[in-house]
Protein backbone atom coordinates (compact mmCIF):
# COMPACT_ATOMS: atom_id res chain seq x y z
CA UNK A 1 -44.73 35.23 -20.27
CA UNK A 2 -41.80 33.49 -21.98
CA UNK A 3 -39.65 35.43 -24.41
CA UNK A 4 -41.27 35.87 -27.81
CA UNK A 5 -39.21 38.05 -30.15
CA UNK A 6 -36.26 36.25 -31.74
CA UNK A 7 -33.79 38.51 -29.94
CA UNK A 8 -35.20 37.39 -26.59
CA UNK A 9 -34.49 33.77 -27.51
CA UNK A 10 -30.94 34.73 -28.41
CA UNK A 11 -30.62 36.44 -25.02
CA UNK A 12 -31.99 33.33 -23.32
CA UNK A 13 -29.40 31.23 -25.13
CA UNK A 14 -26.66 33.67 -24.11
CA UNK A 15 -27.82 33.59 -20.48
CA UNK A 16 -27.82 29.78 -20.59
CA UNK A 17 -24.27 29.77 -21.94
CA UNK A 18 -23.23 32.25 -19.25
CA UNK A 19 -24.70 29.98 -16.57
CA UNK A 20 -23.05 26.92 -18.16
CA UNK A 21 -19.63 28.54 -17.93
CA UNK A 22 -20.40 29.41 -14.31
CA UNK A 23 -21.32 25.77 -13.70
CA UNK A 24 -18.03 24.51 -15.13
CA UNK A 25 -16.06 27.05 -13.09
CA UNK A 26 -18.03 26.09 -9.99
CA UNK A 27 -17.26 22.40 -10.55
CA UNK A 28 -13.55 23.15 -10.89
CA UNK A 29 -13.53 25.32 -7.75
CA UNK A 30 -15.43 22.70 -5.72
CA UNK A 31 -12.94 20.02 -6.83
CA UNK A 32 -10.03 22.29 -5.89
CA UNK A 33 -11.56 23.08 -2.48
CA UNK A 34 -12.00 19.37 -1.78
CA UNK A 35 -8.44 18.63 -3.00
CA UNK A 36 -9.87 16.18 -5.52
CA UNK A 37 -8.55 15.61 -9.02
CA UNK A 38 -10.48 17.43 -11.71
CA UNK A 39 -12.91 15.20 -13.56
CA UNK A 40 -13.55 16.44 -17.07
CA UNK A 41 -16.69 14.30 -17.25
CA UNK A 42 -18.06 15.85 -14.07
CA UNK A 43 -17.18 19.36 -15.27
CA UNK A 44 -19.02 18.71 -18.56
CA UNK A 45 -22.07 17.38 -16.74
CA UNK A 46 -22.04 20.44 -14.47
CA UNK A 47 -21.64 22.64 -17.58
CA UNK A 48 -24.76 21.23 -19.26
CA UNK A 49 -26.79 21.04 -16.04
CA UNK A 50 -25.97 24.66 -15.25
CA UNK A 51 -26.90 25.65 -18.81
CA UNK A 52 -30.30 24.02 -18.37
CA UNK A 53 -30.80 25.72 -15.01
CA UNK A 54 -29.66 28.96 -16.63
CA UNK A 55 -32.40 28.60 -19.22
CA UNK A 56 -34.97 27.97 -16.48
CA UNK A 57 -33.78 30.98 -14.50
CA UNK A 58 -33.80 33.07 -17.68
CA UNK A 59 -37.44 32.14 -18.27
CA UNK A 60 -38.27 32.90 -14.64
CA UNK A 61 -36.56 36.30 -14.85
CA UNK A 62 -38.40 37.01 -18.10
CA UNK A 63 -41.70 36.20 -16.41
CA UNK A 64 -40.78 38.62 -13.62
CA UNK A 65 -39.85 41.29 -16.18
CA UNK A 66 -36.25 41.63 -14.96
CA UNK A 67 -33.59 43.33 -17.06
CA UNK A 68 -30.94 41.38 -18.96
CA UNK A 69 -28.39 42.52 -16.37
CA UNK A 70 -30.36 41.00 -13.48
CA UNK A 71 -31.15 37.92 -15.56
CA UNK A 72 -27.47 37.32 -16.38
CA UNK A 73 -26.48 37.94 -12.75
CA UNK A 74 -29.04 35.46 -11.43
CA UNK A 75 -28.27 32.84 -14.09
CA UNK A 76 -24.51 33.17 -13.52
CA UNK A 77 -24.94 32.89 -9.76
CA UNK A 78 -27.19 29.85 -10.15
CA UNK A 79 -24.60 28.34 -12.50
CA UNK A 80 -21.84 28.80 -9.93
CA UNK A 81 -24.01 27.32 -7.17
CA UNK A 82 -24.63 24.22 -9.25
CA UNK A 83 -27.78 22.64 -10.58
CA UNK A 84 -28.71 20.76 -7.40
CA UNK A 85 -28.60 23.82 -5.16
CA UNK A 86 -30.38 25.95 -7.72
CA UNK A 87 -33.22 23.49 -8.23
CA UNK A 88 -33.83 23.53 -4.47
CA UNK A 89 -34.10 27.33 -4.56
CA UNK A 90 -36.34 27.31 -7.63
CA UNK A 91 -38.63 24.68 -6.13
CA UNK A 92 -39.76 27.17 -3.52
CA UNK A 93 -40.88 29.62 -6.18
CA UNK A 94 -42.67 26.95 -8.21
CA UNK A 95 -44.48 25.50 -5.19
CA UNK A 96 -45.57 28.98 -4.08
CA UNK A 97 -46.69 29.96 -7.61
CA UNK A 98 -48.76 26.77 -7.88
CA UNK A 99 -50.24 27.35 -4.42
CA UNK A 100 -48.95 24.04 -3.10
CA UNK A 101 -48.01 23.42 0.51
CA UNK A 102 -44.66 21.68 0.36
CA UNK A 103 -44.56 20.71 4.03
CA UNK A 104 -47.67 18.55 3.65
CA UNK A 105 -46.09 16.85 0.65
CA UNK A 106 -43.00 15.99 2.70
CA UNK A 107 -45.06 14.23 5.33
CA UNK A 108 -44.45 17.04 7.81
CA UNK A 109 -47.31 18.76 9.60
CA UNK A 110 -48.26 22.27 8.53
CA UNK A 111 -46.46 24.99 10.40
């Protein structure tokens, strides 16, 4: 169940912001590791994408009944990983929850 009391929505917003900061830091670190110049535009896009993924992970953690500590940890980690990597991880949970067989959707035979 998604958060309902107003405080839960504030927490979700805080978790999203936490993930967004993680996304910006992750973008900077990835640019540094690749010896590329820092792109402010890319860092901003990563910031907002990580914030969105943070909100999704916050909702997922709320549905699982996890504490705010676990929720912030997961959202921050997902933010640092980046939106693309996180969406791939989250897809597995969504497919399983919906009872869909992803391998048949990819054109691969069932295993």
